[in-house]
Structure formats: C-alpha cells, structure tokens
C-alpha cells in the first residue's frame, strides 16, 4: 500500500492524485480529529476545503498505522521531517520526500535527514511546479521524481505515483531536485516583495532570472546537475512560485513589501512558508561554500527587520558585471 504522511494541503492533494483511479491510499493527519473528519465528510476542511476526496483514501491519526505501507510520501513541514521519521521507525521501504527545505538546526538537506533516520530505506524526491488545489482538482501537471535508487526504484515508484494528469519525469539527481525546491522558496519571498512594492513585471522577471543564477551556483556547489535545475524541479518550480499569490512564500514577501514586519506576516498562519526557515541556513551554507547569493542575503535582511525599500536599493546599487553564473 502507498501512504502519505502529512494531511496539509499538499499531502491531501497528493493523496487525491494517487487515489484518482481507485487505488487505496492511507493518509496520516497530525491534528486531533482531522482524520475522523476526512473519513466522515470526504473533505479536508482545515487545509483543502475545495476538494471532494476519493473514497479510497483512508485517513488515520495513528502514525504507527503507516507501518504497513511499503511506499511512503513524506509531506510534513521540512523542520519536522526528522522527528516524524524517528517516530515512524527505520523499516526498509521507499521514502518519497515531498517537503522543500533545509533543516534549520543542522543544515541537512531532507535526503540526509531521511537517510540518517532510515538508513535501510531508499530515498526519492518528488518536486516540481504544482499548486495543491490544482492537483486535487485533477488538472494536469508534471513533476520530477528523483530516485536515489536509480532505475530500479523508478520502476517501482512511477507506476504507483503516475496518473494521466500527474506526470512524473525520471531523474537520479536527488541533490539537484532538493536544491531547486529549497532555494525557490526563498526567492519567492523576494519576488513577493517586488509585488508588494509595486515595482512592476520587469523587476520581477529580472529577479527570477538572477535568482535562478543563484540557484544554479548553489546547486552545482553541492553536487547537483545543471540540467536538473533547468527542469521542472528548478526553473519550472521557481517561475510558478514566484508568480502567484497562491504561493505561501510569495504571499509572505508581498506582506513584507507592503510594510508588515516578518513577525506580523508570519503570525497566525496555519500553513508554513518554508522559505522563512530555509533562508538563514541557506545563506550560511552558501557563505561556507563561497557561493554568492545576494538575493538570498537580501531576504535574510528583510526577515531580520530591515525595510524593503532599503534592501532593494542596495541590490540595485551592486557593482555592474557580466551576465552569467558568476
């Protein structure tokens, strides 16, 4: 059986996509009473109220009940991935990581977190340009499925995950897939600031392009492949997330650009803007590796309380240089 760990909007949407052809899917929900409500009403009113959920989705609030699943999609917030995996136990199985971020307390990428907690499992990363409400509605999308176990793992996972409207593409570059997902969340905050300051489409598209250069530099420094980051899980995800208020990270940046403090913008949010957690550790790793990431540096200044117009002015005053990765 296939299971989804985490019943937020994205986890619920993935469960719905997996169950679209009647396949049995087990969905774990952390929140008290949420699993029971999903089973009774066929809706996740808390996180994805627009979706009518398939009858073959069985929700549970008991994490131990996920032990019978030989494929687990992990969709908990990145900062809670390690703790959730420790509670699940180290049974050998396929673990598909669907959370985008870097563990703030250790600087570990999610595949390192998963490997340390479940060394006998094979790790894959599912990432790409997707909004949960569209996936749940059955609208077509394409994603990267990066398999650390190579083609043998792909041959196990792709039939279980793919459907006519949910199309995975194979990669073996787990690092590249993870870097794309983590970095784009931080860059989306910056693009939201551009929107909040009403700086226009030219500015936003310049920021996306220069932000992509930062993503490439960082990904290659960590061992990722440029072709991976040029694909769905890098450039594709970046463009989507930096262009819509459906993105939590973009919405956070927009609020900062409109004058809210980071504390105000992050308060009382049920869903997590992972970029806010990822930005400081991403900056620190980039500095250690000697990777220039001025937009990531700027986002950290914003989150630390500096005014958006001052931060943008400093970015625009950087020395002129040749276009490229350096």
C-alpha atoms as a PDB file:
ATOM      1  CA  UNK A   1       0.000   0.000   0.000  1.00  0.00           C
ATOM      2  CA  UNK A   2       1.042   3.595  -0.569  1.00  0.00           C
ATOM      3  CA  UNK A   3       0.814   6.128   2.249  1.00  0.00           C
ATOM      4  CA  UNK A   4       1.019   9.898   2.585  1.00  0.00           C
ATOM      5  CA  UNK A   5       2.438  11.282   5.837  1.00  0.00           C
ATOM      6  CA  UNK A   6       1.016  14.753   6.389  1.00  0.00           C
ATOM      7  CA  UNK A   7      -2.518  15.939   5.659  1.00  0.00           C
ATOM      8  CA  UNK A   8      -1.854  19.580   4.905  1.00  0.00           C
ATOM      9  CA  UNK A   9      -2.951  20.975   1.558  1.00  0.00           C
ATOM     10  CA  UNK A  10      -0.105  19.370  -0.422  1.00  0.00           C
ATOM     11  CA  UNK A  11      -0.310  15.996   1.332  1.00  0.00           C
ATOM     12  CA  UNK A  12      -4.070  15.874   0.827  1.00  0.00           C
ATOM     13  CA  UNK A  13      -3.712  16.821  -2.833  1.00  0.00           C
ATOM     14  CA  UNK A  14      -1.118  14.092  -3.369  1.00  0.00           C
ATOM     15  CA  UNK A  15      -3.372  11.529  -1.708  1.00  0.00           C
ATOM     16  CA  UNK A  16      -6.184  12.607  -4.018  1.00  0.00           C
ATOM     17  CA  UNK A  17      -3.955  12.306  -7.098  1.00  0.00           C
ATOM     18  CA  UNK A  18      -2.775   8.850  -6.039  1.00  0.00           C
ATOM     19  CA  UNK A  19      -6.358   7.713  -5.431  1.00  0.00           C
ATOM     20  CA  UNK A  20      -7.715   9.125  -8.680  1.00  0.00           C
ATOM     21  CA  UNK A  21      -8.004   5.688 -10.277  1.00  0.00           C
ATOM     22  CA  UNK A  22      -9.407   3.985  -7.193  1.00  0.00           C
ATOM     23  CA  UNK A  23      -6.100   2.946  -5.637  1.00  0.00           C
ATOM     24  CA  UNK A  24      -6.113   2.595  -1.857  1.00  0.00           C
ATOM     25  CA  UNK A  25      -4.164   5.374  -0.141  1.00  0.00           C
ATOM     26  CA  UNK A  26      -3.536   5.821   3.565  1.00  0.00           C
ATOM     27  CA  UNK A  27      -3.258   9.446   4.772  1.00  0.00           C
ATOM     28  CA  UNK A  28      -1.858  10.402   8.182  1.00  0.00           C
ATOM     29  CA  UNK A  29      -3.100  13.602   9.834  1.00  0.00           C
ATOM     30  CA  UNK A  30      -1.409  15.128  12.869  1.00  0.00           C
ATOM     31  CA  UNK A  31      -4.244  17.374  14.016  1.00  0.00           C
ATOM     32  CA  UNK A  32      -6.743  15.978  16.524  1.00  0.00           C
ATOM     33  CA  UNK A  33      -9.975  14.966  14.863  1.00  0.00           C
ATOM     34  CA  UNK A  34      -8.849  15.736  11.313  1.00  0.00           C
ATOM     35  CA  UNK A  35      -8.570  12.102  10.197  1.00  0.00           C
ATOM     36  CA  UNK A  36     -12.039  11.325  11.508  1.00  0.00           C
ATOM     37  CA  UNK A  37     -13.459  14.400   9.775  1.00  0.00           C
ATOM     38  CA  UNK A  38     -11.855  13.424   6.462  1.00  0.00           C
ATOM     39  CA  UNK A  39     -13.247   9.887   6.656  1.00  0.00           C
ATOM     40  CA  UNK A  40     -16.729  11.106   7.564  1.00  0.00           C
ATOM     41  CA  UNK A  41     -17.103  14.074   5.225  1.00  0.00           C
ATOM     42  CA  UNK A  42     -14.654  13.242   2.400  1.00  0.00           C
ATOM     43  CA  UNK A  43     -13.214  16.738   2.848  1.00  0.00           C
ATOM     44  CA  UNK A  44     -10.200  18.314   4.492  1.00  0.00           C
ATOM     45  CA  UNK A  45     -11.974  21.470   5.626  1.00  0.00           C
ATOM     46  CA  UNK A  46      -8.892  22.644   7.525  1.00  0.00           C
ATOM     47  CA  UNK A  47      -6.364  22.716   4.691  1.00  0.00           C
ATOM     48  CA  UNK A  48      -8.007  21.940   1.324  1.00  0.00           C
ATOM     49  CA  UNK A  49     -11.737  22.632   1.584  1.00  0.00           C
ATOM     50  CA  UNK A  50     -12.294  22.829  -2.181  1.00  0.00           C
ATOM     51  CA  UNK A  51     -11.594  19.136  -2.831  1.00  0.00           C
ATOM     52  CA  UNK A  52     -14.036  16.224  -2.686  1.00  0.00           C
ATOM     53  CA  UNK A  53     -11.766  13.371  -1.619  1.00  0.00           C
ATOM     54  CA  UNK A  54     -11.835   9.920  -3.166  1.00  0.00           C
ATOM     55  CA  UNK A  55     -13.494   7.130  -1.145  1.00  0.00           C
ATOM     56  CA  UNK A  56     -10.326   5.020  -1.417  1.00  0.00           C
ATOM     57  CA  UNK A  57      -8.426   7.466   0.822  1.00  0.00           C
ATOM     58  CA  UNK A  58      -8.303   6.206   4.396  1.00  0.00           C
ATOM     59  CA  UNK A  59      -7.208   8.864   6.881  1.00  0.00           C
ATOM     60  CA  UNK A  60      -5.691   7.990  10.245  1.00  0.00           C
ATOM     61  CA  UNK A  61      -4.361   9.885  13.220  1.00  0.00           C
ATOM     62  CA  UNK A  62      -2.182   6.944  14.265  1.00  0.00           C
ATOM     63  CA  UNK A  63       1.317   7.235  12.827  1.00  0.00           C
ATOM     64  CA  UNK A  64       2.029   3.597  13.679  1.00  0.00           C
ATOM     65  CA  UNK A  65      -0.720   2.613  11.233  1.00  0.00           C
ATOM     66  CA  UNK A  66       1.500   3.817   8.381  1.00  0.00           C
ATOM     67  CA  UNK A  67       3.915   0.978   9.104  1.00  0.00           C
ATOM     68  CA  UNK A  68       2.099  -1.330   6.683  1.00  0.00           C
ATOM     69  CA  UNK A  69       2.890   0.964   3.723  1.00  0.00           C
ATOM     70  CA  UNK A  70       5.837  -0.058   1.571  1.00  0.00           C
ATOM     71  CA  UNK A  71       5.853   3.339  -0.171  1.00  0.00           C
ATOM     72  CA  UNK A  72       5.568   6.488   1.939  1.00  0.00           C
ATOM     73  CA  UNK A  73       5.279  10.017   0.617  1.00  0.00           C
ATOM     74  CA  UNK A  74       6.538  12.327   3.359  1.00  0.00           C
ATOM     75  CA  UNK A  75       4.807  15.713   3.259  1.00  0.00           C
ATOM     76  CA  UNK A  76       5.384  17.035   6.773  1.00  0.00           C
ATOM     77  CA  UNK A  77       6.982  20.511   7.072  1.00  0.00           C
ATOM     78  CA  UNK A  78      10.716  20.305   6.469  1.00  0.00           C
ATOM     79  CA  UNK A  79      11.572  21.334  10.025  1.00  0.00           C
ATOM     80  CA  UNK A  80       9.567  18.380  11.394  1.00  0.00           C
ATOM     81  CA  UNK A  81      10.731  15.737   8.932  1.00  0.00           C
ATOM     82  CA  UNK A  82      13.410  14.286  11.202  1.00  0.00           C
ATOM     83  CA  UNK A  83      11.142  13.928  14.219  1.00  0.00           C
ATOM     84  CA  UNK A  84       8.396  12.327  12.140  1.00  0.00           C
ATOM     85  CA  UNK A  85      10.807   9.814  10.628  1.00  0.00           C
ATOM     86  CA  UNK A  86      12.136   8.864  14.043  1.00  0.00           C
ATOM     87  CA  UNK A  87       8.587   8.108  15.213  1.00  0.00           C
ATOM     88  CA  UNK A  88       7.895   6.070  12.069  1.00  0.00           C
ATOM     89  CA  UNK A  89      10.866   3.802  12.696  1.00  0.00           C
ATOM     90  CA  UNK A  90      13.572   2.572  10.375  1.00  0.00           C
ATOM     91  CA  UNK A  91      11.754  -0.186   8.462  1.00  0.00           C
ATOM     92  CA  UNK A  92      13.188  -0.598   4.950  1.00  0.00           C
ATOM     93  CA  UNK A  93      10.843   0.901   2.338  1.00  0.00           C
ATOM     94  CA  UNK A  94      10.676   3.539  -0.379  1.00  0.00           C
ATOM     95  CA  UNK A  95      10.579   7.042   1.111  1.00  0.00           C
ATOM     96  CA  UNK A  96       9.494   9.797  -1.256  1.00  0.00           C
ATOM     97  CA  UNK A  97      10.350  13.234   0.134  1.00  0.00           C
ATOM     98  CA  UNK A  98       7.826  15.897  -0.863  1.00  0.00           C
ATOM     99  CA  UNK A  99       8.794  18.685   1.557  1.00  0.00           C
ATOM    100  CA  UNK A 100      11.004  21.514   0.309  1.00  0.00           C
ATOM    101  CA  UNK A 101      13.554  22.995   2.664  1.00  0.00           C
ATOM    102  CA  UNK A 102      16.746  22.603   4.677  1.00  0.00           C
ATOM    103  CA  UNK A 103      16.771  21.575   8.324  1.00  0.00           C
ATOM    104  CA  UNK A 104      17.493  24.856  10.089  1.00  0.00           C
ATOM    105  CA  UNK A 105      19.043  23.355  13.207  1.00  0.00           C
ATOM    106  CA  UNK A 106      21.612  21.198  11.384  1.00  0.00           C
ATOM    107  CA  UNK A 107      21.905  22.430   7.790  1.00  0.00           C
ATOM    108  CA  UNK A 108      20.990  18.978   6.494  1.00  0.00           C
ATOM    109  CA  UNK A 109      19.097  18.527   3.247  1.00  0.00           C
ATOM    110  CA  UNK A 110      15.964  16.407   3.537  1.00  0.00           C
ATOM    111  CA  UNK A 111      17.553  13.352   1.895  1.00  0.00           C
ATOM    112  CA  UNK A 112      20.307  13.421   4.541  1.00  0.00           C
ATOM    113  CA  UNK A 113      17.685  13.708   7.284  1.00  0.00           C
ATOM    114  CA  UNK A 114      15.824  10.719   5.840  1.00  0.00           C
ATOM    115  CA  UNK A 115      18.958   8.617   5.342  1.00  0.00           C
ATOM    116  CA  UNK A 116      20.108   9.214   8.913  1.00  0.00           C
ATOM    117  CA  UNK A 117      16.702   8.248  10.324  1.00  0.00           C
ATOM    118  CA  UNK A 118      16.023   5.296   7.992  1.00  0.00           C
ATOM    119  CA  UNK A 119      19.334   4.040   6.570  1.00  0.00           C
ATOM    120  CA  UNK A 120      17.790   0.869   5.130  1.00  0.00           C
ATOM    121  CA  UNK A 121      15.238   2.773   3.060  1.00  0.00           C
ATOM    122  CA  UNK A 122      15.712   4.020  -0.492  1.00  0.00           C
ATOM    123  CA  UNK A 123      15.168   7.757  -0.855  1.00  0.00           C
ATOM    124  CA  UNK A 124      13.452   9.608  -3.679  1.00  0.00           C
ATOM    125  CA  UNK A 125      12.483  13.260  -4.042  1.00  0.00           C
ATOM    126  CA  UNK A 126       9.246  14.453  -5.643  1.00  0.00           C
ATOM    127  CA  UNK A 127       9.406  18.107  -6.663  1.00  0.00           C
ATOM    128  CA  UNK A 128       8.079  20.416  -9.326  1.00  0.00           C
ATOM    129  CA  UNK A 129       5.736  23.269 -10.257  1.00  0.00           C
ATOM    130  CA  UNK A 130       2.492  22.341  -8.520  1.00  0.00           C
ATOM    131  CA  UNK A 131      -0.219  24.114  -6.563  1.00  0.00           C
ATOM    132  CA  UNK A 132      -2.170  21.801  -4.273  1.00  0.00           C
ATOM    133  CA  UNK A 133      -5.663  22.954  -5.233  1.00  0.00           C
ATOM    134  CA  UNK A 134      -4.985  22.326  -8.932  1.00  0.00           C
ATOM    135  CA  UNK A 135      -3.552  18.855  -8.321  1.00  0.00           C
ATOM    136  CA  UNK A 136      -6.537  17.954  -6.129  1.00  0.00           C
ATOM    137  CA  UNK A 137      -8.890  19.153  -8.847  1.00  0.00           C
ATOM    138  CA  UNK A 138      -7.281  16.757 -11.319  1.00  0.00           C
ATOM    139  CA  UNK A 139      -5.734  19.443 -13.509  1.00  0.00           C
ATOM    140  CA  UNK A 140      -2.658  18.255 -15.431  1.00  0.00           C
ATOM    141  CA  UNK A 141       0.843  18.795 -14.074  1.00  0.00           C
ATOM    142  CA  UNK A 142       4.362  17.416 -14.401  1.00  0.00           C
ATOM    143  CA  UNK A 143       6.942  16.822 -11.678  1.00  0.00           C
ATOM    144  CA  UNK A 144      10.458  15.475 -11.204  1.00  0.00           C
ATOM    145  CA  UNK A 145      10.811  12.148  -9.410  1.00  0.00           C
ATOM    146  CA  UNK A 146      14.486  11.921  -8.479  1.00  0.00           C
ATOM    147  CA  UNK A 147      15.330   8.377  -7.392  1.00  0.00           C
ATOM    148  CA  UNK A 148      18.405   7.737  -5.291  1.00  0.00           C
ATOM    149  CA  UNK A 149      17.871   4.049  -6.026  1.00  0.00           C
ATOM    150  CA  UNK A 150      18.144   4.653  -9.756  1.00  0.00           C
ATOM    151  CA  UNK A 151      16.026   3.000 -12.431  1.00  0.00           C
ATOM    152  CA  UNK A 152      15.079   0.054 -10.220  1.00  0.00           C
ATOM    153  CA  UNK A 153      13.429   2.420  -7.750  1.00  0.00           C
ATOM    154  CA  UNK A 154      11.838   4.420 -10.570  1.00  0.00           C
ATOM    155  CA  UNK A 155      10.322   1.202 -11.937  1.00  0.00           C
ATOM    156  CA  UNK A 156       8.726   0.571  -8.539  1.00  0.00           C
ATOM    157  CA  UNK A 157       7.566   4.104  -7.854  1.00  0.00           C
ATOM    158  CA  UNK A 158       6.449   5.538 -11.154  1.00  0.00           C
ATOM    159  CA  UNK A 159       3.501   3.142 -11.695  1.00  0.00           C
ATOM    160  CA  UNK A 160       2.328   3.825  -8.130  1.00  0.00           C
ATOM    161  CA  UNK A 161       2.576   7.616  -8.453  1.00  0.00           C
ATOM    162  CA  UNK A 162       1.735   8.420 -12.065  1.00  0.00           C
ATOM    163  CA  UNK A 163      -1.750   9.073 -13.393  1.00  0.00           C
ATOM    164  CA  UNK A 164      -2.960  10.623 -16.666  1.00  0.00           C
ATOM    165  CA  UNK A 165      -2.972  14.109 -15.122  1.00  0.00           C
ATOM    166  CA  UNK A 166       0.010  13.667 -12.767  1.00  0.00           C
ATOM    167  CA  UNK A 167       3.097  13.003 -14.854  1.00  0.00           C
ATOM    168  CA  UNK A 168       6.480  12.295 -13.201  1.00  0.00           C
ATOM    169  CA  UNK A 169       9.785  12.572 -15.074  1.00  0.00           C
ATOM    170  CA  UNK A 170      12.757  10.436 -14.051  1.00  0.00           C
ATOM    171  CA  UNK A 171      15.999  11.764 -12.597  1.00  0.00           C
ATOM    172  CA  UNK A 172      18.734  10.286 -10.431  1.00  0.00           C
ATOM    173  CA  UNK A 173      19.837  13.713  -9.172  1.00  0.00           C
ATOM    174  CA  UNK A 174      18.370  13.824  -5.667  1.00  0.00           C
ATOM    175  CA  UNK A 175      20.603  16.751  -4.656  1.00  0.00           C
ATOM    176  CA  UNK A 176      19.583  18.907  -7.613  1.00  0.00           C
ATOM    177  CA  UNK A 177      15.899  18.189  -7.060  1.00  0.00           C
ATOM    178  CA  UNK A 178      16.143  19.153  -3.409  1.00  0.00           C
ATOM    179  CA  UNK A 179      18.160  22.297  -4.013  1.00  0.00           C
ATOM    180  CA  UNK A 180      15.608  23.558  -6.524  1.00  0.00           C
ATOM    181  CA  UNK A 181      12.736  23.141  -4.080  1.00  0.00           C
ATOM    182  CA  UNK A 182      14.556  24.702  -1.151  1.00  0.00           C
ATOM    183  CA  UNK A 183      16.052  27.713  -2.924  1.00  0.00           C
ATOM    184  CA  UNK A 184      12.935  28.654  -4.889  1.00  0.00           C
ATOM    185  CA  UNK A 185      11.008  29.164  -1.631  1.00  0.00           C
ATOM    186  CA  UNK A 186      13.466  31.855  -0.551  1.00  0.00           C
ATOM    187  CA  UNK A 187      13.490  33.506  -3.976  1.00  0.00           C
ATOM    188  CA  UNK A 188       9.683  33.536  -3.961  1.00  0.00           C
ATOM    189  CA  UNK A 189       9.776  35.725  -0.859  1.00  0.00           C
ATOM    190  CA  UNK A 190      11.925  38.203  -2.780  1.00  0.00           C
ATOM    191  CA  UNK A 191       9.508  38.199  -5.729  1.00  0.00           C
ATOM    192  CA  UNK A 192       6.625  38.803  -3.347  1.00  0.00           C
ATOM    193  CA  UNK A 193       8.459  41.869  -2.044  1.00  0.00           C
ATOM    194  CA  UNK A 194       8.693  43.187  -5.613  1.00  0.00           C
ATOM    195  CA  UNK A 195       4.914  42.770  -5.901  1.00  0.00           C
ATOM    196  CA  UNK A 196       4.296  44.400  -2.529  1.00  0.00           C
ATOM    197  CA  UNK A 197       6.401  47.403  -3.514  1.00  0.00           C
ATOM    198  CA  UNK A 198       4.659  47.614  -6.927  1.00  0.00           C
ATOM    199  CA  UNK A 199       7.998  47.564  -8.762  1.00  0.00           C
ATOM    200  CA  UNK A 200       6.499  46.017 -11.888  1.00  0.00           C
ATOM    201  CA  UNK A 201       6.845  42.961 -14.100  1.00  0.00           C
ATOM    202  CA  UNK A 202      10.262  43.929 -15.451  1.00  0.00           C
ATOM    203  CA  UNK A 203      11.725  43.918 -11.949  1.00  0.00           C
ATOM    204  CA  UNK A 204      10.112  40.622 -11.007  1.00  0.00           C
ATOM    205  CA  UNK A 205      11.341  38.851 -14.118  1.00  0.00           C
ATOM    206  CA  UNK A 206      14.841  40.241 -13.650  1.00  0.00           C
ATOM    207  CA  UNK A 207      14.787  38.918 -10.098  1.00  0.00           C
ATOM    208  CA  UNK A 208      13.592  35.471 -11.236  1.00  0.00           C
ATOM    209  CA  UNK A 209      16.396  35.295 -13.783  1.00  0.00           C
ATOM    210  CA  UNK A 210      19.131  36.432 -11.415  1.00  0.00           C
ATOM    211  CA  UNK A 211      17.671  34.261  -8.661  1.00  0.00           C
ATOM    212  CA  UNK A 212      17.898  31.277 -10.973  1.00  0.00           C
ATOM    213  CA  UNK A 213      21.592  32.002 -11.442  1.00  0.00           C
ATOM    214  CA  UNK A 214      21.972  31.851  -7.642  1.00  0.00           C
ATOM    215  CA  UNK A 215      20.090  28.542  -7.562  1.00  0.00           C
ATOM    216  CA  UNK A 216      22.393  27.097 -10.220  1.00  0.00           C
ATOM    217  CA  UNK A 217      25.555  28.250  -8.441  1.00  0.00           C
ATOM    218  CA  UNK A 218      24.410  26.771  -5.165  1.00  0.00           C
ATOM    219  CA  UNK A 219      23.147  23.515  -6.673  1.00  0.00           C
ATOM    220  CA  UNK A 220      26.350  22.854  -8.587  1.00  0.00           C
ATOM    221  CA  UNK A 221      28.433  23.644  -5.479  1.00  0.00           C
ATOM    222  CA  UNK A 222      26.528  20.948  -3.576  1.00  0.00           C
ATOM    223  CA  UNK A 223      26.892  18.367  -6.359  1.00  0.00           C
ATOM    224  CA  UNK A 224      23.633  18.860  -8.229  1.00  0.00           C
ATOM    225  CA  UNK A 225      23.407  18.841 -12.025  1.00  0.00           C
ATOM    226  CA  UNK A 226      22.625  21.984 -14.036  1.00  0.00           C
ATOM    227  CA  UNK A 227      20.232  20.050 -16.276  1.00  0.00           C
ATOM    228  CA  UNK A 228      18.163  19.078 -13.238  1.00  0.00           C
ATOM    229  CA  UNK A 229      17.864  22.683 -12.104  1.00  0.00           C
ATOM    230  CA  UNK A 230      16.989  23.738 -15.644  1.00  0.00           C
ATOM    231  CA  UNK A 231      13.982  21.411 -15.451  1.00  0.00           C
ATOM    232  CA  UNK A 232      10.698  21.089 -13.620  1.00  0.00           C
ATOM    233  CA  UNK A 233      12.071  20.989 -10.068  1.00  0.00           C
ATOM    234  CA  UNK A 234      14.287  24.043 -10.558  1.00  0.00           C
ATOM    235  CA  UNK A 235      13.367  26.655 -13.138  1.00  0.00           C
ATOM    236  CA  UNK A 236       9.820  25.346 -13.553  1.00  0.00           C
ATOM    237  CA  UNK A 237       9.030  25.461  -9.848  1.00  0.00           C
ATOM    238  CA  UNK A 238      10.758  28.838  -9.477  1.00  0.00           C
ATOM    239  CA  UNK A 239       8.654  30.504 -12.175  1.00  0.00           C
ATOM    240  CA  UNK A 240       5.379  29.172 -10.759  1.00  0.00           C
ATOM    241  CA  UNK A 241       6.129  30.014  -7.140  1.00  0.00           C
ATOM    242  CA  UNK A 242       7.414  33.497  -7.971  1.00  0.00           C
ATOM    243  CA  UNK A 243       4.347  34.437  -9.999  1.00  0.00           C
ATOM    244  CA  UNK A 244       1.278  33.787  -7.872  1.00  0.00           C
ATOM    245  CA  UNK A 245      -0.247  34.685  -4.524  1.00  0.00           C
ATOM    246  CA  UNK A 246      -1.224  31.008  -4.269  1.00  0.00           C
ATOM    247  CA  UNK A 247       2.377  30.581  -3.100  1.00  0.00           C
ATOM    248  CA  UNK A 248       2.734  30.960   0.665  1.00  0.00           C
ATOM    249  CA  UNK A 249       6.279  32.266   0.286  1.00  0.00           C
ATOM    250  CA  UNK A 250       5.275  34.819  -2.353  1.00  0.00           C
ATOM    251  CA  UNK A 251       2.435  35.983  -0.102  1.00  0.00           C
ATOM    252  CA  UNK A 252       4.873  36.401   2.795  1.00  0.00           C
ATOM    253  CA  UNK A 253       7.165  38.551   0.652  1.00  0.00           C
ATOM    254  CA  UNK A 254       4.244  40.616  -0.601  1.00  0.00           C
ATOM    255  CA  UNK A 255       3.262  41.360   3.004  1.00  0.00           C
ATOM    256  CA  UNK A 256       6.857  42.424   3.770  1.00  0.00           C
ATOM    257  CA  UNK A 257       6.872  44.676   0.730  1.00  0.00           C
ATOM    258  CA  UNK A 258       3.617  46.267   1.857  1.00  0.00           C
ATOM    259  CA  UNK A 259       5.205  47.199   5.182  1.00  0.00           C
ATOM    260  CA  UNK A 260       4.350  44.379   7.562  1.00  0.00           C
ATOM    261  CA  UNK A 261       7.059  43.066   9.836  1.00  0.00           C
ATOM    262  CA  UNK A 262       8.158  39.443   9.480  1.00  0.00           C
ATOM    263  CA  UNK A 263       6.534  38.649  12.833  1.00  0.00           C
ATOM    264  CA  UNK A 264       3.227  40.146  11.680  1.00  0.00           C
ATOM    265  CA  UNK A 265       3.348  38.417   8.304  1.00  0.00           C
ATOM    266  CA  UNK A 266       4.103  35.017   9.849  1.00  0.00           C
ATOM    267  CA  UNK A 267       1.658  35.268  12.769  1.00  0.00           C
ATOM    268  CA  UNK A 268      -1.448  33.098  12.906  1.00  0.00           C
ATOM    269  CA  UNK A 269      -0.604  31.245   9.724  1.00  0.00           C
ATOM    270  CA  UNK A 270      -1.916  27.681   9.645  1.00  0.00           C
ATOM    271  CA  UNK A 271       0.289  26.800   6.691  1.00  0.00           C
ATOM    272  CA  UNK A 272       4.074  27.137   6.686  1.00  0.00           C
ATOM    273  CA  UNK A 273       6.141  29.467   4.488  1.00  0.00           C
ATOM    274  CA  UNK A 274       9.205  27.214   4.417  1.00  0.00           C
ATOM    275  CA  UNK A 275      11.367  29.916   2.862  1.00  0.00           C
ATOM    276  CA  UNK A 276      11.417  31.838   6.130  1.00  0.00           C
ATOM    277  CA  UNK A 277      13.031  28.865   7.884  1.00  0.00           C
ATOM    278  CA  UNK A 278      15.309  27.995   4.975  1.00  0.00           C
ATOM    279  CA  UNK A 279      16.697  31.475   4.274  1.00  0.00           C
ATOM    280  CA  UNK A 280      19.156  31.772   7.212  1.00  0.00           C
ATOM    281  CA  UNK A 281      20.615  28.286   6.858  1.00  0.00           C
ATOM    282  CA  UNK A 282      20.791  28.626   3.066  1.00  0.00           C
ATOM    283  CA  UNK A 283      22.742  31.867   3.484  1.00  0.00           C
ATOM    284  CA  UNK A 284      25.125  30.235   5.967  1.00  0.00           C
ATOM    285  CA  UNK A 285      25.819  27.224   3.738  1.00  0.00           C
ATOM    286  CA  UNK A 286      26.366  29.500   0.730  1.00  0.00           C
ATOM    287  CA  UNK A 287      28.889  31.583   2.680  1.00  0.00           C
ATOM    288  CA  UNK A 288      30.720  28.456   3.821  1.00  0.00           C
ATOM    289  CA  UNK A 289      30.896  27.212   0.219  1.00  0.00           C
ATOM    290  CA  UNK A 290      31.910  30.592  -1.180  1.00  0.00           C
ATOM    291  CA  UNK A 291      28.742  30.848  -3.284  1.00  0.00           C
ATOM    292  CA  UNK A 292      27.491  34.353  -3.968  1.00  0.00           C
ATOM    293  CA  UNK A 293      23.738  34.639  -3.328  1.00  0.00           C
ATOM    294  CA  UNK A 294      22.915  38.356  -2.989  1.00  0.00           C
ATOM    295  CA  UNK A 295      19.156  37.865  -3.300  1.00  0.00           C
ATOM    296  CA  UNK A 296      19.191  35.247  -0.539  1.00  0.00           C
ATOM    297  CA  UNK A 297      21.266  37.654   1.582  1.00  0.00           C
ATOM    298  CA  UNK A 298      18.665  40.353   0.934  1.00  0.00           C
ATOM    299  CA  UNK A 299      15.788  38.110   2.004  1.00  0.00           C
ATOM    300  CA  UNK A 300      17.564  37.456   5.282  1.00  0.00           C
ATOM    301  CA  UNK A 301      17.882  41.184   5.884  1.00  0.00           C
ATOM    302  CA  UNK A 302      14.149  41.569   5.283  1.00  0.00           C
ATOM    303  CA  UNK A 303      13.308  38.756   7.685  1.00  0.00           C
ATOM    304  CA  UNK A 304      15.603  40.370  10.265  1.00  0.00           C
ATOM    305  CA  UNK A 305      13.558  43.565  10.085  1.00  0.00           C
ATOM    306  CA  UNK A 306      15.278  45.836   7.584  1.00  0.00           C
ATOM    307  CA  UNK A 307      12.971  47.937   5.402  1.00  0.00           C
ATOM    308  CA  UNK A 308      12.118  46.530   1.979  1.00  0.00           C
ATOM    309  CA  UNK A 309      12.915  49.703   0.032  1.00  0.00           C
ATOM    310  CA  UNK A 310      16.372  49.960   1.608  1.00  0.00           C
ATOM    311  CA  UNK A 311      17.134  46.317   0.822  1.00  0.00           C
ATOM    312  CA  UNK A 312      16.035  46.719  -2.801  1.00  0.00           C
ATOM    313  CA  UNK A 313      18.087  49.901  -3.146  1.00  0.00           C
ATOM    314  CA  UNK A 314      21.203  48.033  -2.037  1.00  0.00           C
ATOM    315  CA  UNK A 315      20.564  45.244  -4.558  1.00  0.00           C
ATOM    316  CA  UNK A 316      20.210  47.787  -7.360  1.00  0.00           C
ATOM    317  CA  UNK A 317      23.450  49.504  -6.276  1.00  0.00           C
ATOM    318  CA  UNK A 318      25.581  46.362  -6.616  1.00  0.00           C
ATOM    319  CA  UNK A 319      28.558  46.706  -8.977  1.00  0.00           C
ATOM    320  CA  UNK A 320      27.831  46.121 -12.657  1.00  0.00           C
ATOM    321  CA  UNK A 321      29.128  42.815 -14.037  1.00  0.00           C
ATOM    322  CA  UNK A 322      28.873  40.339 -16.874  1.00  0.00           C
ATOM    323  CA  UNK A 323      25.769  38.189 -17.019  1.00  0.00           C
ATOM    324  CA  UNK A 324      26.294  34.515 -16.166  1.00  0.00           C
ATOM    325  CA  UNK A 325      26.664  32.148 -13.261  1.00  0.00           C
ATOM    326  CA  UNK A 326      29.465  34.061 -11.544  1.00  0.00           C
END
